[in-house]
C-alpha atoms as a PDB file:
ATOM      1  CA  MET A   1     197.554 -19.469  99.434  1.00  0.00           C
ATOM      2  CA  ALA A   2     194.450 -21.512 100.104  1.00  0.00           C
ATOM      3  CA  ARG A   3     192.728 -23.687  97.541  1.00  0.00           C
ATOM      4  CA  GLY A   4     189.586 -22.337  95.914  1.00  0.00           C
ATOM      5  CA  LYS A   5     187.087 -23.846  93.522  1.00  0.00           C
ATOM      6  CA  LYS A   6     188.318 -26.435  91.037  1.00  0.00           C
ATOM      7  CA  GLY A   7     191.655 -26.635  92.838  1.00  0.00           C
ATOM      8  CA  LYS A   8     192.694 -23.090  91.927  1.00  0.00           C
ATOM      9  CA  ARG A   9     194.778 -21.275  94.471  1.00  0.00           C
ATOM     10  CA  ALA A  10     192.625 -18.709  96.257  1.00  0.00           C
ATOM     11  CA  GLU A  11     194.012 -15.342  97.247  1.00  0.00           C
ATOM     12  CA  ILE A  12     194.211 -14.460 100.929  1.00  0.00           C
ATOM     13  CA  CYS A  13     192.898 -11.185 102.338  1.00  0.00           C
ATOM     14  CA  VAL A  14     195.687  -8.625 102.731  1.00  0.00           C
ATOM     15  CA  TYR A  15     194.379  -7.706 106.192  1.00  0.00           C
ATOM     16  CA  CYS A  16     193.576 -11.078 107.776  1.00  0.00           C
ATOM     17  CA  ASP A  17     193.903 -14.810 107.081  1.00  0.00           C
ATOM     18  CA  ARG A  18     190.526 -15.362 105.437  1.00  0.00           C
ATOM     19  CA  VAL A  19     190.043 -16.164 101.767  1.00  0.00           C
ATOM     20  CA  ALA A  20     189.672 -13.035  99.632  1.00  0.00           C
ATOM     21  CA  VAL A  21     186.401 -12.825  97.709  1.00  0.00           C
ATOM     22  CA  THR A  22     186.525  -9.171  96.661  1.00  0.00           C
ATOM     23  CA  ARG A  23     188.934  -6.251  96.195  1.00  0.00           C
ATOM     24  CA  ASP A  24     189.637  -3.281  98.444  1.00  0.00           C
ATOM     25  CA  HIS A  25     190.698   0.048  96.950  1.00  0.00           C
ATOM     26  CA  VAL A  26     193.621   1.792  98.653  1.00  0.00           C
ATOM     27  CA  PRO A  27     193.177   4.610  99.222  1.00  0.00           C
ATOM     28  CA  PRO A  28     189.338   4.494  99.055  1.00  0.00           C
ATOM     29  CA  LYS A  29     187.894   4.885  95.572  1.00  0.00           C
ATOM     30  CA  ALA A  30     185.553   7.597  96.858  1.00  0.00           C
ATOM     31  CA  ILE A  31     188.391  10.128  97.206  1.00  0.00           C
ATOM     32  CA  PHE A  32     188.871  10.133  93.420  1.00  0.00           C
ATOM     33  CA  PRO A  33     186.623  12.229  91.160  1.00  0.00           C
ATOM     34  CA  LYS A  34     184.664  10.509  88.409  1.00  0.00           C
ATOM     35  CA  PRO A  35     185.420   9.166  85.922  1.00  0.00           C
ATOM     36  CA  HIS A  36     187.818   7.123  88.010  1.00  0.00           C
ATOM     37  CA  PRO A  37     191.311   6.671  86.559  1.00  0.00           C
ATOM     38  CA  SER A  38     192.483   3.235  85.464  1.00  0.00           C
ATOM     39  CA  THR A  39     195.438   3.523  87.847  1.00  0.00           C
ATOM     40  CA  LEU A  40     193.458   2.890  91.049  1.00  0.00           C
ATOM     41  CA  VAL A  41     195.069   0.341  93.376  1.00  0.00           C
ATOM     42  CA  SER A  42     193.007  -2.578  94.677  1.00  0.00           C
ATOM     43  CA  VAL A  43     194.117  -5.544  96.752  1.00  0.00           C
ATOM     44  CA  PRO A  44     192.615  -8.925  97.723  1.00  0.00           C
ATOM     45  CA  CYS A  45     190.146  -8.607 100.574  1.00  0.00           C
ATOM     46  CA  CYS A  46     187.607 -10.757 102.393  1.00  0.00           C
ATOM     47  CA  ARG A  47     183.964  -9.714 102.660  1.00  0.00           C
ATOM     48  CA  ALA A  48     184.111  -9.087 106.416  1.00  0.00           C
ATOM     49  CA  CYS A  49     187.065  -6.695 106.214  1.00  0.00           C
ATOM     50  CA  ASN A  50     185.624  -4.905 103.200  1.00  0.00           C
ATOM     51  CA  GLN A  51     182.345  -4.236 104.972  1.00  0.00           C
ATOM     52  CA  ALA A  52     184.097  -3.185 108.185  1.00  0.00           C
ATOM     53  CA  PHE A  53     186.028  -0.489 106.310  1.00  0.00           C
ATOM     54  CA  SER A  54     182.984   1.108 104.691  1.00  0.00           C
ATOM     55  CA  ALA A  55     182.061   3.634 107.406  1.00  0.00           C
ATOM     56  CA  ASP A  56     185.609   4.929 107.867  1.00  0.00           C
ATOM     57  CA  ASP A  57     186.062   5.226 104.103  1.00  0.00           C
ATOM     58  CA  GLN A  58     182.913   7.323 103.862  1.00  0.00           C
ATOM     59  CA  TYR A  59     184.071   9.553 106.711  1.00  0.00           C
ATOM     60  CA  PHE A  60     187.486   9.995 105.084  1.00  0.00           C
ATOM     61  CA  SER A  61     186.022  10.869 101.677  1.00  0.00           C
ATOM     62  CA  VAL A  62     183.760  13.536 103.207  1.00  0.00           C
ATOM     63  CA  THR A  63     186.220  15.004 105.718  1.00  0.00           C
ATOM     64  CA  VAL A  64     189.507  15.321 103.803  1.00  0.00           C
ATOM     65  CA  PRO A  65     188.172  17.070 100.650  1.00  0.00           C
ATOM     66  CA  THR A  66     186.435  19.702 102.819  1.00  0.00           C
ATOM     67  CA  ARG A  67     189.621  20.854 104.572  1.00  0.00           C
ATOM     68  CA  HIS A  68     190.224  24.568 104.128  1.00  0.00           C
ATOM     69  CA  ASP A  69     193.726  24.026 102.752  1.00  0.00           C
ATOM     70  CA  VAL A  70     192.545  21.993  99.737  1.00  0.00           C
ATOM     71  CA  GLU A  71     190.256  24.779  98.550  1.00  0.00           C
ATOM     72  CA  GLY A  72     190.790  25.313  94.840  1.00  0.00           C
ATOM     73  CA  ASN A  73     191.762  21.703  94.129  1.00  0.00           C
ATOM     74  CA  GLU A  74     189.404  20.592  91.361  1.00  0.00           C
ATOM     75  CA  GLY A  75     189.483  16.931  92.335  1.00  0.00           C
ATOM     76  CA  ALA A  76     188.699  17.700  95.968  1.00  0.00           C
ATOM     77  CA  LEU A  77     185.853  20.005  94.918  1.00  0.00           C
ATOM     78  CA  GLN A  78     184.217  17.305  92.790  1.00  0.00           C
ATOM     79  CA  VAL A  79     184.561  14.698  95.529  1.00  0.00           C
ATOM     80  CA  MET A  80     183.233  17.133  98.141  1.00  0.00           C
ATOM     81  CA  GLN A  81     180.155  17.897  96.049  1.00  0.00           C
ATOM     82  CA  THR A  82     179.489  14.189  95.523  1.00  0.00           C
ATOM     83  CA  GLY A  83     179.980  13.478  99.211  1.00  0.00           C
ATOM     84  CA  LEU A  84     177.684  16.265 100.370  1.00  0.00           C
ATOM     85  CA  ARG A  85     174.940  15.107  98.004  1.00  0.00           C
ATOM     86  CA  GLY A  86     175.321  11.607  99.411  1.00  0.00           C
ATOM     87  CA  LEU A  87     174.724  12.894 102.938  1.00  0.00           C
ATOM     88  CA  PHE A  88     171.113  13.602 102.059  1.00  0.00           C
ATOM     89  CA  ARG A  89     170.248  10.107 100.914  1.00  0.00           C
ATOM     90  CA  PRO A  90     167.739   8.401 103.245  1.00  0.00           C
ATOM     91  CA  GLU A  91     170.180   5.587 104.035  1.00  0.00           C
ATOM     92  CA  ALA A  92     172.808   8.148 105.126  1.00  0.00           C
ATOM     93  CA  LYS A  93     170.688   9.555 107.957  1.00  0.00           C
ATOM     94  CA  GLY A  94     172.891   8.184 110.737  1.00  0.00           C
ATOM     95  CA  PHE A  95     176.102   9.351 109.106  1.00  0.00           C
ATOM     96  CA  ARG A  96     174.579  12.774 108.357  1.00  0.00           C
ATOM     97  CA  THR A  97     173.527  13.187 111.975  1.00  0.00           C
ATOM     98  CA  ALA A  98     177.019  12.278 113.184  1.00  0.00           C
ATOM     99  CA  ILE A  99     178.635  14.831 110.860  1.00  0.00           C
ATOM    100  CA  LEU A 100     176.213  17.660 111.645  1.00  0.00           C
ATOM    101  CA  SER A 101     176.485  17.077 115.393  1.00  0.00           C
ATOM    102  CA  ARG A 102     180.181  17.997 115.214  1.00  0.00           C
ATOM    103  CA  LEU A 103     179.619  21.361 113.473  1.00  0.00           C
ATOM    104  CA  GLU A 104     180.107  24.565 115.431  1.00  0.00           C
ATOM    105  CA  THR A 105     180.111  28.271 114.555  1.00  0.00           C
ATOM    106  CA  VAL A 106     183.468  30.040 114.890  1.00  0.00           C
ATOM    107  CA  ASN A 107     184.928  33.467 114.141  1.00  0.00           C
ATOM    108  CA  LEU A 108     187.161  33.538 111.069  1.00  0.00           C
ATOM    109  CA  VAL A 109     190.278  35.646 111.638  1.00  0.00           C
ATOM    110  CA  THR A 110     193.321  36.116 109.397  1.00  0.00           C
ATOM    111  CA  PRO A 111     196.847  35.600 110.814  1.00  0.00           C
ATOM    112  CA  SER A 112     197.130  39.402 111.017  1.00  0.00           C
ATOM    113  CA  GLY A 113     193.990  39.613 113.150  1.00  0.00           C
ATOM    114  CA  ILE A 114     191.442  40.783 110.586  1.00  0.00           C
ATOM    115  CA  PHE A 115     187.940  39.493 111.343  1.00  0.00           C
ATOM    116  CA  LEU A 116     186.353  37.880 108.278  1.00  0.00           C
ATOM    117  CA  GLY A 117     183.016  36.917 109.777  1.00  0.00           C
ATOM    118  CA  GLU A 118     181.599  33.671 111.044  1.00  0.00           C
ATOM    119  CA  GLY A 119     182.074  30.212 109.615  1.00  0.00           C
ATOM    120  CA  LEU A 120     181.533  26.564 110.415  1.00  0.00           C
ATOM    121  CA  ARG A 121     184.093  24.220 111.882  1.00  0.00           C
ATOM    122  CA  THR A 122     183.800  20.520 112.532  1.00  0.00           C
ATOM    123  CA  GLU A 123     185.586  18.492 115.163  1.00  0.00           C
ATOM    124  CA  VAL A 124     187.565  15.903 113.219  1.00  0.00           C
ATOM    125  CA  ASP A 125     187.925  12.327 114.437  1.00  0.00           C
ATOM    126  CA  TYR A 126     191.568  11.855 113.481  1.00  0.00           C
ATOM    127  CA  GLU A 127     191.657   8.248 114.667  1.00  0.00           C
ATOM    128  CA  ARG A 128     189.149   7.336 111.957  1.00  0.00           C
ATOM    129  CA  LEU A 129     191.279   9.075 109.338  1.00  0.00           C
ATOM    130  CA  ASP A 130     194.391   7.353 110.667  1.00  0.00           C
ATOM    131  CA  ARG A 131     192.744   3.936 110.392  1.00  0.00           C
ATOM    132  CA  VAL A 132     192.140   4.535 106.690  1.00  0.00           C
ATOM    133  CA  VAL A 133     195.723   5.687 106.185  1.00  0.00           C
ATOM    134  CA  ARG A 134     197.226   2.732 108.064  1.00  0.00           C
ATOM    135  CA  ARG A 135     195.127   0.330 106.009  1.00  0.00           C
ATOM    136  CA  THR A 136     196.136   2.148 102.831  1.00  0.00           C
ATOM    137  CA  VAL A 137     199.792   1.564 103.644  1.00  0.00           C
ATOM    138  CA  ARG A 138     199.126  -2.158 104.169  1.00  0.00           C
ATOM    139  CA  GLY A 139     197.481  -2.276 100.776  1.00  0.00           C
ATOM    140  CA  LEU A 140     200.186  -0.250  99.030  1.00  0.00           C
ATOM    141  CA  TYR A 141     202.863  -2.456 100.590  1.00  0.00           C
ATOM    142  CA  PHE A 142     201.162  -5.480  99.035  1.00  0.00           C
ATOM    143  CA  ARG A 143     200.935  -3.675  95.708  1.00  0.00           C
ATOM    144  CA  GLU A 144     204.631  -2.736  95.754  1.00  0.00           C
ATOM    145  CA  TYR A 145     206.157  -5.919  97.174  1.00  0.00           C
ATOM    146  CA  HIS A 146     203.590  -8.666  96.488  1.00  0.00           C
ATOM    147  CA  ALA A 147     203.643  -9.673 100.138  1.00  0.00           C
ATOM    148  CA  ARG A 148     201.535  -8.951 103.185  1.00  0.00           C
ATOM    149  CA  LEU A 149     202.804  -6.926 106.104  1.00  0.00           C
ATOM    150  CA  PRO A 150     202.584  -9.126 109.216  1.00  0.00           C
ATOM    151  CA  LYS A 151     199.530  -8.430 111.353  1.00  0.00           C
ATOM    152  CA  THR A 152     201.901  -7.617 114.216  1.00  0.00           C
ATOM    153  CA  THR A 153     203.583  -4.784 112.299  1.00  0.00           C
ATOM    154  CA  GLN A 154     203.306  -1.482 114.160  1.00  0.00           C
ATOM    155  CA  ILE A 155     202.005   1.275 111.855  1.00  0.00           C
ATOM    156  CA  SER A 156     202.058   4.908 112.984  1.00  0.00           C
ATOM    157  CA  ALA A 157     200.385   7.681 110.979  1.00  0.00           C
ATOM    158  CA  MET A 158     200.880  11.408 111.441  1.00  0.00           C
ATOM    159  CA  ILE A 159     198.932  14.049 109.522  1.00  0.00           C
ATOM    160  CA  ASP A 160     200.679  17.331 108.767  1.00  0.00           C
ATOM    161  CA  SER A 161     198.386  19.365 111.018  1.00  0.00           C
ATOM    162  CA  SER A 162     199.334  17.166 113.991  1.00  0.00           C
ATOM    163  CA  PHE A 163     203.019  18.077 113.655  1.00  0.00           C
ATOM    164  CA  ASN A 164     203.869  20.061 116.779  1.00  0.00           C
ATOM    165  CA  GLU A 165     206.089  23.009 115.842  1.00  0.00           C
ATOM    166  CA  ALA A 166     207.232  23.306 119.473  1.00  0.00           C
ATOM    167  CA  GLU A 167     208.896  19.895 119.304  1.00  0.00           C
ATOM    168  CA  VAL A 168     211.853  21.170 117.309  1.00  0.00           C
ATOM    169  CA  ALA A 169     214.019  18.061 117.534  1.00  0.00           C
ATOM    170  CA  ALA A 170     211.151  15.753 116.620  1.00  0.00           C
ATOM    171  CA  ARG A 171     210.093  18.054 113.787  1.00  0.00           C
ATOM    172  CA  ASN A 172     213.622  18.094 112.383  1.00  0.00           C
ATOM    173  CA  GLY A 173     213.677  14.316 112.569  1.00  0.00           C
ATOM    174  CA  ARG A 174     210.444  14.087 110.615  1.00  0.00           C
ATOM    175  CA  ASP A 175     211.720  16.549 108.051  1.00  0.00           C
ATOM    176  CA  ARG A 176     214.810  14.416 107.526  1.00  0.00           C
ATOM    177  CA  VAL A 177     212.621  11.368 106.913  1.00  0.00           C
ATOM    178  CA  VAL A 178     210.499  13.345 104.447  1.00  0.00           C
ATOM    179  CA  ASP A 179     213.612  14.558 102.610  1.00  0.00           C
ATOM    180  CA  TRP A 180     214.939  10.977 102.499  1.00  0.00           C
ATOM    181  CA  LEU A 181     211.664   9.726 101.036  1.00  0.00           C
ATOM    182  CA  ARG A 182     211.508  12.459  98.416  1.00  0.00           C
ATOM    183  CA  GLU A 183     214.919  11.577  97.041  1.00  0.00           C
ATOM    184  CA  CYS A 184     213.019   9.049  94.918  1.00  0.00           C
ATOM    185  CA  PRO A 185     210.294   9.873  92.368  1.00  0.00           C
ATOM    186  CA  PRO A 186     206.725   9.558  93.680  1.00  0.00           C
ATOM    187  CA  ARG A 187     204.129   7.007  92.629  1.00  0.00           C
ATOM    188  CA  VAL A 188     201.313   9.058  91.130  1.00  0.00           C
ATOM    189  CA  ILE A 189     197.880   7.410  91.149  1.00  0.00           C
ATOM    190  CA  GLN A 190     196.095  10.539  89.919  1.00  0.00           C
ATOM    191  CA  ALA A 191     197.774  13.918  89.565  1.00  0.00           C
ATOM    192  CA  GLY A 192     196.370  16.423  92.034  1.00  0.00           C
ATOM    193  CA  VAL A 193     194.475  13.733  93.936  1.00  0.00           C
ATOM    194  CA  PHE A 194     196.878  11.158  95.354  1.00  0.00           C
ATOM    195  CA  HIS A 195     200.550  10.294  95.155  1.00  0.00           C
ATOM    196  CA  TYR A 196     203.046   8.738  97.539  1.00  0.00           C
ATOM    197  CA  TRP A 197     206.659   7.962  98.294  1.00  0.00           C
ATOM    198  CA  HIS A 198     208.001   4.922 100.149  1.00  0.00           C
ATOM    199  CA  ARG A 199     211.295   3.410 101.228  1.00  0.00           C
ATOM    200  CA  LEU A 200     212.138   0.342 103.289  1.00  0.00           C
ATOM    201  CA  ASP A 201     214.979  -0.689 105.550  1.00  0.00           C
ATOM    202  CA  ASN A 202     217.254  -2.868 103.413  1.00  0.00           C
ATOM    203  CA  ASP A 203     217.974  -5.162 106.354  1.00  0.00           C
ATOM    204  CA  SER A 204     214.353  -5.469 107.495  1.00  0.00           C
ATOM    205  CA  PRO A 205     211.673  -4.793 104.846  1.00  0.00           C
ATOM    206  CA  GLU A 206     209.002  -4.694 107.549  1.00  0.00           C
ATOM    207  CA  ASN A 207     210.525  -1.404 108.730  1.00  0.00           C
ATOM    208  CA  GLY A 208     209.951   1.561 106.458  1.00  0.00           C
ATOM    209  CA  ALA A 209     208.450   4.979 105.868  1.00  0.00           C
ATOM    210  CA  TRP A 210     205.702   6.231 103.587  1.00  0.00           C
ATOM    211  CA  LEU A 211     204.606   9.730 102.626  1.00  0.00           C
ATOM    212  CA  LEU A 212     201.020   9.908 101.351  1.00  0.00           C
ATOM    213  CA  VAL A 213     199.747  13.123  99.766  1.00  0.00           C
ATOM    214  CA  PHE A 214     196.046  13.806  99.172  1.00  0.00           C
ATOM    215  CA  TYR A 215     194.911  16.683  96.950  1.00  0.00           C
ATOM    216  CA  ASP A 216     198.471  18.105  96.940  1.00  0.00           C
ATOM    217  CA  ARG A 217     197.934  19.562 100.426  1.00  0.00           C
ATOM    218  CA  VAL A 218     197.143  16.855 102.984  1.00  0.00           C
ATOM    219  CA  TRP A 219     200.348  15.055 103.919  1.00  0.00           C
ATOM    220  CA  TYR A 220     200.588  11.891 105.996  1.00  0.00           C
ATOM    221  CA  LEU A 221     203.908  10.556 107.231  1.00  0.00           C
ATOM    222  CA  VAL A 222     203.569   6.858 108.043  1.00  0.00           C
ATOM    223  CA  THR A 223     206.142   4.530 109.568  1.00  0.00           C
ATOM    224  CA  THR A 224     206.067   0.752 109.801  1.00  0.00           C
ATOM    225  CA  ALA A 225     208.092  -1.245 112.308  1.00  0.00           C
ATOM    226  CA  SER A 226     208.319  -4.863 113.367  1.00  0.00           C
ATOM    227  CA  SER A 227     206.924  -5.610 116.810  1.00  0.00           C
ATOM    228  CA  GLU A 228     210.427  -6.636 117.925  1.00  0.00           C
ATOM    229  CA  ARG A 229     211.800  -3.233 116.959  1.00  0.00           C
ATOM    230  CA  LYS A 230     209.109  -1.433 118.961  1.00  0.00           C
ATOM    231  CA  GLN A 231     209.976  -3.294 122.155  1.00  0.00           C
END
């Protein structure tokens, strides 16, 4: 730890080596409906990192609650309504334009082939979502173990919809990891909004797996590995 004012030890940003002057919520506070619960997780963060995360956090909080598979989740509905109202603020013009430019009209068809009419679909930038998830795992690691993951740690995030059913062996491997994680009780930050499981390699705490669940429907499987292990 560095020294701050009056000789007090200053906290270091979880994401870099600069002195922390603020807190970063993991996952982003905006995914939680108001009033926010007292259980939100925040970690030490420098101003530069905090500001750099802002755009991705906004994208995450607008995109994830509007997924078709979270329909009916009260928390997601409240966050979606707040996010959509925010799109029409004057200062959100650039973000609004970016979102609307990705909308396209599609035919809605049931699995049995019944045509339901037309609807809107947006092309999702999954890399932006993954960046938020990878950062969230760094923050949650700090919360759980009171230590920072090394900057060289390799973090891989996989959303449920990116699981390829054709890759049977890989899918079975992922399922085994999920089952292993769920042997332990989850950490619930807010019921129906966000909870997670995590386990680490006993011999190398840098290596581990995390299962993050948003709105009870959006599942992310995340693995962490030391750079040496990846080589």
